[in-house]
Amino acid sequence: DRLFASLLGASFADHYRTLRLDRARNLLMQSTLPITEVALACGFANASHFSRAYSAKFGIPPRRDRVQAGRLSAPLEQA
């Protein structure tokens, strides 16, 4: 893990989480999957855990990010 961190500047767990969140953002922007399904598809235990991690990384909740990108117009989707 130290070698990984020295090469990439982050621990393996942090790097893997970043990959999962980047994939989730891609799915949010390019699909109409519900946020819960995106969360589960990217390895998060539930939408709440995913939403907290997503907000911490991108500074915006996943639903709001999707709305601002124009992928959702109705305020009915949760998380």
PDB file of N, CA and C in Angstrom:
ATOM      1  N   ASP A   1       0.827  -1.194   0.000  1.00  0.00           N
ATOM      2  CA  ASP A   1       0.000   0.000   0.000  1.00  0.00           C
ATOM      3  C   ASP A   1       0.872   1.259   0.000  1.00  0.00           C
ATOM      4  N   ARG A   2       2.014   1.192   0.695  1.00  0.00           N
ATOM      5  CA  ARG A   2       2.904   2.359   0.711  1.00  0.00           C
ATOM      6  C   ARG A   2       3.491   2.624  -0.667  1.00  0.00           C
ATOM      7  N   LEU A   3       3.886   1.560  -1.351  1.00  0.00           N
ATOM      8  CA  LEU A   3       4.424   1.717  -2.704  1.00  0.00           C
ATOM      9  C   LEU A   3       3.354   2.302  -3.620  1.00  0.00           C
ATOM     10  N   PHE A   4       2.157   1.782  -3.533  1.00  0.00           N
ATOM     11  CA  PHE A   4       1.035   2.293  -4.330  1.00  0.00           C
ATOM     12  C   PHE A   4       0.830   3.778  -4.046  1.00  0.00           C
ATOM     13  N   ALA A   5       0.812   4.140  -2.776  1.00  0.00           N
ATOM     14  CA  ALA A   5       0.598   5.536  -2.391  1.00  0.00           C
ATOM     15  C   ALA A   5       1.744   6.426  -2.866  1.00  0.00           C
ATOM     16  N   SER A   6       2.960   5.918  -2.809  1.00  0.00           N
ATOM     17  CA  SER A   6       4.091   6.739  -3.250  1.00  0.00           C
ATOM     18  C   SER A   6       4.069   6.949  -4.763  1.00  0.00           C
ATOM     19  N   LEU A   7       3.549   5.980  -5.495  1.00  0.00           N
ATOM     20  CA  LEU A   7       3.483   6.107  -6.957  1.00  0.00           C
ATOM     21  C   LEU A   7       2.299   6.945  -7.422  1.00  0.00           C
ATOM     22  N   LEU A   8       1.156   6.784  -6.776  1.00  0.00           N
ATOM     23  CA  LEU A   8      -0.056   7.469  -7.235  1.00  0.00           C
ATOM     24  C   LEU A   8      -0.508   8.611  -6.334  1.00  0.00           C
ATOM     25  N   GLY A   9       0.131   8.780  -5.202  1.00  0.00           N
ATOM     26  CA  GLY A   9      -0.223   9.880  -4.316  1.00  0.00           C
ATOM     27  C   GLY A   9      -1.475   9.650  -3.495  1.00  0.00           C
ATOM     28  N   ALA A  10      -1.956   8.427  -3.480  1.00  0.00           N
ATOM     29  CA  ALA A  10      -3.147   8.080  -2.692  1.00  0.00           C
ATOM     30  C   ALA A  10      -3.072   6.600  -2.356  1.00  0.00           C
ATOM     31  N   SER A  11      -3.739   6.221  -1.280  1.00  0.00           N
ATOM     32  CA  SER A  11      -3.768   4.802  -0.933  1.00  0.00           C
ATOM     33  C   SER A  11      -4.586   4.043  -1.974  1.00  0.00           C
ATOM     34  N   PHE A  12      -4.430   2.736  -1.981  1.00  0.00           N
ATOM     35  CA  PHE A  12      -5.203   1.917  -2.913  1.00  0.00           C
ATOM     36  C   PHE A  12      -6.697   2.123  -2.695  1.00  0.00           C
ATOM     37  N   ALA A  13      -7.118   2.145  -1.423  1.00  0.00           N
ATOM     38  CA  ALA A  13      -8.545   2.317  -1.110  1.00  0.00           C
ATOM     39  C   ALA A  13      -9.061   3.659  -1.621  1.00  0.00           C
ATOM     40  N   ASP A  14      -8.279   4.725  -1.430  1.00  0.00           N
ATOM     41  CA  ASP A  14      -8.697   6.046  -1.917  1.00  0.00           C
ATOM     42  C   ASP A  14      -8.766   6.075  -3.440  1.00  0.00           C
ATOM     43  N   HIS A  15      -7.782   5.479  -4.079  1.00  0.00           N
ATOM     44  CA  HIS A  15      -7.772   5.439  -5.546  1.00  0.00           C
ATOM     45  C   HIS A  15      -8.967   4.637  -6.071  1.00  0.00           C
ATOM     46  N   TYR A  16      -9.236   3.508  -5.452  1.00  0.00           N
ATOM     47  CA  TYR A  16     -10.362   2.674  -5.877  1.00  0.00           C
ATOM     48  C   TYR A  16     -11.692   3.413  -5.682  1.00  0.00           C
ATOM     49  N   ARG A  17     -11.828   4.128  -4.575  1.00  0.00           N
ATOM     50  CA  ARG A  17     -13.047   4.912  -4.325  1.00  0.00           C
ATOM     51  C   ARG A  17     -13.201   5.992  -5.398  1.00  0.00           C
ATOM     52  N   THR A  18     -12.107   6.636  -5.761  1.00  0.00           N
ATOM     53  CA  THR A  18     -12.150   7.653  -6.816  1.00  0.00           C
ATOM     54  C   THR A  18     -12.608   7.041  -8.133  1.00  0.00           C
ATOM     55  N   LEU A  19     -12.097   5.872  -8.463  1.00  0.00           N
ATOM     56  CA  LEU A  19     -12.525   5.191  -9.694  1.00  0.00           C
ATOM     57  C   LEU A  19     -14.022   4.888  -9.660  1.00  0.00           C
ATOM     58  N   ARG A  20     -14.505   4.408  -8.519  1.00  0.00           N
ATOM     59  CA  ARG A  20     -15.932   4.097  -8.382  1.00  0.00           C
ATOM     60  C   ARG A  20     -16.785   5.354  -8.514  1.00  0.00           C
ATOM     61  N   LEU A  21     -16.361   6.439  -7.903  1.00  0.00           N
ATOM     62  CA  LEU A  21     -17.122   7.686  -7.976  1.00  0.00           C
ATOM     63  C   LEU A  21     -17.089   8.281  -9.382  1.00  0.00           C
ATOM     64  N   ASP A  22     -15.954   8.173 -10.053  1.00  0.00           N
ATOM     65  CA  ASP A  22     -15.882   8.653 -11.438  1.00  0.00           C
ATOM     66  C   ASP A  22     -16.807   7.842 -12.340  1.00  0.00           C
ATOM     67  N   ARG A  23     -16.846   6.534 -12.127  1.00  0.00           N
ATOM     68  CA  ARG A  23     -17.759   5.686 -12.904  1.00  0.00           C
ATOM     69  C   ARG A  23     -19.214   6.053 -12.605  1.00  0.00           C
ATOM     70  N   ALA A  24     -19.502   6.302 -11.338  1.00  0.00           N
ATOM     71  CA  ALA A  24     -20.862   6.690 -10.949  1.00  0.00           C
ATOM     72  C   ALA A  24     -21.258   8.000 -11.616  1.00  0.00           C
ATOM     73  N   ARG A  25     -20.346   8.953 -11.634  1.00  0.00           N
ATOM     74  CA  ARG A  25     -20.656  10.242 -12.272  1.00  0.00           C
ATOM     75  C   ARG A  25     -20.934  10.042 -13.757  1.00  0.00           C
ATOM     76  N   ASN A  26     -20.162   9.186 -14.374  1.00  0.00           N
ATOM     77  CA  ASN A  26     -20.382   8.860 -15.782  1.00  0.00           C
ATOM     78  C   ASN A  26     -21.772   8.272 -15.995  1.00  0.00           C
ATOM     79  N   LEU A  27     -22.144   7.324 -15.148  1.00  0.00           N
ATOM     80  CA  LEU A  27     -23.474   6.717 -15.256  1.00  0.00           C
ATOM     81  C   LEU A  27     -24.579   7.743 -15.020  1.00  0.00           C
ATOM     82  N   LEU A  28     -24.377   8.626 -14.064  1.00  0.00           N
ATOM     83  CA  LEU A  28     -25.384   9.654 -13.786  1.00  0.00           C
ATOM     84  C   LEU A  28     -25.586  10.573 -14.984  1.00  0.00           C
ATOM     85  N   MET A  29     -24.498  10.906 -15.652  1.00  0.00           N
ATOM     86  CA  MET A  29     -24.577  11.857 -16.759  1.00  0.00           C
ATOM     87  C   MET A  29     -25.038  11.215 -18.063  1.00  0.00           C
ATOM     88  N   GLN A  30     -24.825   9.905 -18.200  1.00  0.00           N
ATOM     89  CA  GLN A  30     -25.098   9.267 -19.481  1.00  0.00           C
ATOM     90  C   GLN A  30     -26.240   8.262 -19.447  1.00  0.00           C
ATOM     91  N   SER A  31     -26.937   8.173 -18.336  1.00  0.00           N
ATOM     92  CA  SER A  31     -28.050   7.232 -18.250  1.00  0.00           C
ATOM     93  C   SER A  31     -29.186   7.862 -17.454  1.00  0.00           C
ATOM     94  N   THR A  32     -30.284   7.151 -17.425  1.00  0.00           N
ATOM     95  CA  THR A  32     -31.418   7.583 -16.602  1.00  0.00           C
ATOM     96  C   THR A  32     -31.649   6.606 -15.452  1.00  0.00           C
ATOM     97  N   LEU A  33     -30.633   5.809 -15.144  1.00  0.00           N
ATOM     98  CA  LEU A  33     -30.742   4.883 -14.013  1.00  0.00           C
ATOM     99  C   LEU A  33     -31.038   5.655 -12.737  1.00  0.00           C
ATOM    100  N   PRO A  34     -31.885   5.116 -11.884  1.00  0.00           N
ATOM    101  CA  PRO A  34     -32.105   5.758 -10.583  1.00  0.00           C
ATOM    102  C   PRO A  34     -30.794   5.828  -9.799  1.00  0.00           C
ATOM    103  N   ILE A  35     -30.676   6.814  -8.960  1.00  0.00           N
ATOM    104  CA  ILE A  35     -29.445   7.009  -8.197  1.00  0.00           C
ATOM    105  C   ILE A  35     -29.122   5.789  -7.342  1.00  0.00           C
ATOM    106  N   THR A  36     -30.127   5.144  -6.787  1.00  0.00           N
ATOM    107  CA  THR A  36     -29.885   3.933  -6.000  1.00  0.00           C
ATOM    108  C   THR A  36     -29.225   2.856  -6.850  1.00  0.00           C
ATOM    109  N   GLU A  37     -29.679   2.680  -8.077  1.00  0.00           N
ATOM    110  CA  GLU A  37     -29.079   1.674  -8.964  1.00  0.00           C
ATOM    111  C   GLU A  37     -27.657   2.049  -9.344  1.00  0.00           C
ATOM    112  N   VAL A  38     -27.403   3.324  -9.563  1.00  0.00           N
ATOM    113  CA  VAL A  38     -26.041   3.780  -9.850  1.00  0.00           C
ATOM    114  C   VAL A  38     -25.146   3.473  -8.655  1.00  0.00           C
ATOM    115  N   ALA A  39     -25.627   3.781  -7.466  1.00  0.00           N
ATOM    116  CA  ALA A  39     -24.854   3.522  -6.251  1.00  0.00           C
ATOM    117  C   ALA A  39     -24.500   2.044  -6.126  1.00  0.00           C
ATOM    118  N   LEU A  40     -25.480   1.189  -6.288  1.00  0.00           N
ATOM    119  CA  LEU A  40     -25.243  -0.252  -6.162  1.00  0.00           C
ATOM    120  C   LEU A  40     -24.333  -0.769  -7.270  1.00  0.00           C
ATOM    121  N   ALA A  41     -24.504  -0.266  -8.485  1.00  0.00           N
ATOM    122  CA  ALA A  41     -23.676  -0.698  -9.616  1.00  0.00           C
ATOM    123  C   ALA A  41     -22.211  -0.321  -9.415  1.00  0.00           C
ATOM    124  N   CYS A  42     -21.976   0.705  -8.617  1.00  0.00           N
ATOM    125  CA  CYS A  42     -20.608   1.167  -8.385  1.00  0.00           C
ATOM    126  C   CYS A  42     -20.040   0.700  -7.052  1.00  0.00           C
ATOM    127  N   GLY A  43     -20.741  -0.224  -6.410  1.00  0.00           N
ATOM    128  CA  GLY A  43     -20.207  -0.866  -5.222  1.00  0.00           C
ATOM    129  C   GLY A  43     -20.507  -0.206  -3.896  1.00  0.00           C
ATOM    130  N   PHE A  44     -21.435   0.734  -3.873  1.00  0.00           N
ATOM    131  CA  PHE A  44     -21.814   1.362  -2.609  1.00  0.00           C
ATOM    132  C   PHE A  44     -22.946   0.572  -1.974  1.00  0.00           C
ATOM    133  N   ALA A  45     -22.958   0.530  -0.647  1.00  0.00           N
ATOM    134  CA  ALA A  45     -23.936  -0.280   0.079  1.00  0.00           C
ATOM    135  C   ALA A  45     -25.355   0.247  -0.067  1.00  0.00           C
ATOM    136  N   ASN A  46     -25.489   1.568  -0.185  1.00  0.00           N
ATOM    137  CA  ASN A  46     -26.813   2.175  -0.317  1.00  0.00           C
ATOM    138  C   ASN A  46     -26.675   3.582  -0.884  1.00  0.00           C
ATOM    139  N   ALA A  47     -27.791   4.179  -1.238  1.00  0.00           N
ATOM    140  CA  ALA A  47     -27.785   5.503  -1.863  1.00  0.00           C
ATOM    141  C   ALA A  47     -27.294   6.587  -0.906  1.00  0.00           C
ATOM    142  N   SER A  48     -27.570   6.437   0.378  1.00  0.00           N
ATOM    143  CA  SER A  48     -27.143   7.437   1.352  1.00  0.00           C
ATOM    144  C   SER A  48     -25.619   7.489   1.460  1.00  0.00           C
ATOM    145  N   HIS A  49     -25.007   6.325   1.578  1.00  0.00           N
ATOM    146  CA  HIS A  49     -23.543   6.244   1.648  1.00  0.00           C
ATOM    147  C   HIS A  49     -22.933   6.801   0.366  1.00  0.00           C
ATOM    148  N   PHE A  50     -23.501   6.437  -0.769  1.00  0.00           N
ATOM    149  CA  PHE A  50     -23.036   6.932  -2.059  1.00  0.00           C
ATOM    150  C   PHE A  50     -23.154   8.454  -2.138  1.00  0.00           C
ATOM    151  N   SER A  51     -24.294   8.982  -1.740  1.00  0.00           N
ATOM    152  CA  SER A  51     -24.526  10.422  -1.828  1.00  0.00           C
ATOM    153  C   SER A  51     -23.520  11.206  -0.983  1.00  0.00           C
ATOM    154  N   ARG A  52     -23.209  10.706   0.203  1.00  0.00           N
ATOM    155  CA  ARG A  52     -22.215  11.377   1.054  1.00  0.00           C
ATOM    156  C   ARG A  52     -20.831  11.352   0.405  1.00  0.00           C
ATOM    157  N   ALA A  53     -20.442  10.193  -0.124  1.00  0.00           N
ATOM    158  CA  ALA A  53     -19.129  10.081  -0.767  1.00  0.00           C
ATOM    159  C   ALA A  53     -19.058  10.949  -2.023  1.00  0.00           C
ATOM    160  N   TYR A  54     -20.127  10.956  -2.803  1.00  0.00           N
ATOM    161  CA  TYR A  54     -20.193  11.744  -4.039  1.00  0.00           C
ATOM    162  C   TYR A  54     -20.095  13.234  -3.714  1.00  0.00           C
ATOM    163  N   SER A  55     -20.847  13.670  -2.724  1.00  0.00           N
ATOM    164  CA  SER A  55     -20.827  15.082  -2.323  1.00  0.00           C
ATOM    165  C   SER A  55     -19.450  15.495  -1.815  1.00  0.00           C
ATOM    166  N   ALA A  56     -18.795  14.609  -1.077  1.00  0.00           N
ATOM    167  CA  ALA A  56     -17.464  14.912  -0.555  1.00  0.00           C
ATOM    168  C   ALA A  56     -16.454  15.072  -1.688  1.00  0.00           C
ATOM    169  N   LYS A  57     -16.568  14.247  -2.713  1.00  0.00           N
ATOM    170  CA  LYS A  57     -15.613  14.315  -3.828  1.00  0.00           C
ATOM    171  C   LYS A  57     -15.911  15.455  -4.787  1.00  0.00           C
ATOM    172  N   PHE A  58     -17.169  15.608  -5.178  1.00  0.00           N
ATOM    173  CA  PHE A  58     -17.510  16.559  -6.235  1.00  0.00           C
ATOM    174  C   PHE A  58     -18.093  17.877  -5.722  1.00  0.00           C
ATOM    175  N   GLY A  59     -18.396  17.946  -4.427  1.00  0.00           N
ATOM    176  CA  GLY A  59     -18.913  19.179  -3.857  1.00  0.00           C
ATOM    177  C   GLY A  59     -20.370  19.463  -4.174  1.00  0.00           C
ATOM    178  N   ILE A  60     -21.071  18.460  -4.668  1.00  0.00           N
ATOM    179  CA  ILE A  60     -22.479  18.611  -5.041  1.00  0.00           C
ATOM    180  C   ILE A  60     -23.138  17.240  -4.932  1.00  0.00           C
ATOM    181  N   PRO A  61     -24.365  17.159  -4.435  1.00  0.00           N
ATOM    182  CA  PRO A  61     -25.036  15.856  -4.354  1.00  0.00           C
ATOM    183  C   PRO A  61     -25.287  15.284  -5.757  1.00  0.00           C
ATOM    184  N   PRO A  62     -25.335  13.971  -5.879  1.00  0.00           N
ATOM    185  CA  PRO A  62     -25.502  13.361  -7.199  1.00  0.00           C
ATOM    186  C   PRO A  62     -26.763  13.810  -7.931  1.00  0.00           C
ATOM    187  N   ARG A  63     -27.857  13.938  -7.233  1.00  0.00           N
ATOM    188  CA  ARG A  63     -29.097  14.343  -7.896  1.00  0.00           C
ATOM    189  C   ARG A  63     -28.979  15.749  -8.471  1.00  0.00           C
ATOM    190  N   ARG A  64     -28.425  16.660  -7.686  1.00  0.00           N
ATOM    191  CA  ARG A  64     -28.276  18.040  -8.158  1.00  0.00           C
ATOM    192  C   ARG A  64     -27.302  18.106  -9.336  1.00  0.00           C
ATOM    193  N   ASP A  65     -26.246  17.314  -9.279  1.00  0.00           N
ATOM    194  CA  ASP A  65     -25.285  17.264 -10.381  1.00  0.00           C
ATOM    195  C   ASP A  65     -25.984  16.813 -11.661  1.00  0.00           C
ATOM    196  N   ARG A  66     -26.820  15.799 -11.539  1.00  0.00           N
ATOM    197  CA  ARG A  66     -27.563  15.282 -12.694  1.00  0.00           C
ATOM    198  C   ARG A  66     -28.540  16.334 -13.224  1.00  0.00           C
ATOM    199  N   VAL A  67     -29.239  17.007 -12.343  1.00  0.00           N
ATOM    200  CA  VAL A  67     -30.188  18.048 -12.756  1.00  0.00           C
ATOM    201  C   VAL A  67     -29.447  19.165 -13.489  1.00  0.00           C
ATOM    202  N   GLN A  68     -28.332  19.613 -12.934  1.00  0.00           N
ATOM    203  CA  GLN A  68     -27.573  20.693 -13.563  1.00  0.00           C
ATOM    204  C   GLN A  68     -27.014  20.279 -14.915  1.00  0.00           C
ATOM    205  N   ALA A  69     -26.748  18.993 -15.085  1.00  0.00           N
ATOM    206  CA  ALA A  69     -26.253  18.501 -16.368  1.00  0.00           C
ATOM    207  C   ALA A  69     -27.386  18.303 -17.367  1.00  0.00           C
ATOM    208  N   GLY A  70     -28.627  18.482 -16.906  1.00  0.00           N
ATOM    209  CA  GLY A  70     -29.768  18.358 -17.802  1.00  0.00           C
ATOM    210  C   GLY A  70     -30.263  16.947 -18.007  1.00  0.00           C
ATOM    211  N   ARG A  71     -29.861  16.015 -17.141  1.00  0.00           N
ATOM    212  CA  ARG A  71     -30.270  14.614 -17.287  1.00  0.00           C
ATOM    213  C   ARG A  71     -31.545  14.301 -16.521  1.00  0.00           C
ATOM    214  N   LEU A  72     -32.052  15.247 -15.753  1.00  0.00           N
ATOM    215  CA  LEU A  72     -33.257  15.011 -14.960  1.00  0.00           C
ATOM    216  C   LEU A  72     -33.976  16.337 -14.821  1.00  0.00           C
ATOM    217  N   SER A  73     -35.243  16.342 -15.130  1.00  0.00           N
ATOM    218  CA  SER A  73     -35.971  17.602 -15.017  1.00  0.00           C
ATOM    219  C   SER A  73     -37.010  17.571 -13.909  1.00  0.00           C
ATOM    220  N   ALA A  74     -37.487  16.397 -13.552  1.00  0.00           N
ATOM    221  CA  ALA A  74     -38.512  16.289 -12.513  1.00  0.00           C
ATOM    222  C   ALA A  74     -37.858  16.072 -11.153  1.00  0.00           C
ATOM    223  N   PRO A  75     -38.364  16.698 -10.086  1.00  0.00           N
ATOM    224  CA  PRO A  75     -37.757  16.551  -8.760  1.00  0.00           C
ATOM    225  C   PRO A  75     -38.249  15.324  -8.006  1.00  0.00           C
ATOM    226  N   LEU A  76     -38.489  14.215  -8.686  1.00  0.00           N
ATOM    227  CA  LEU A  76     -39.075  13.048  -8.036  1.00  0.00           C
ATOM    228  C   LEU A  76     -38.054  12.027  -7.566  1.00  0.00           C
ATOM    229  N   GLU A  77     -36.847  12.048  -8.092  1.00  0.00           N
ATOM    230  CA  GLU A  77     -35.864  11.034  -7.760  1.00  0.00           C
ATOM    231  C   GLU A  77     -35.233  11.311  -6.407  1.00  0.00           C
ATOM    232  N   GLN A  78     -35.001  10.263  -5.627  1.00  0.00           N
ATOM    233  CA  GLN A  78     -34.436  10.418  -4.293  1.00  0.00           C
ATOM    234  C   GLN A  78     -32.924  10.411  -4.333  1.00  0.00           C
ATOM    235  N   ALA A  79     -32.349  10.861  -3.185  1.00  0.00           N
ATOM    236  CA  ALA A  79     -30.918  10.859  -2.898  1.00  0.00           C
ATOM    237  C   ALA A  79     -30.284  12.049  -3.545  1.00  0.00           C
TER     238      ALA A  79
END
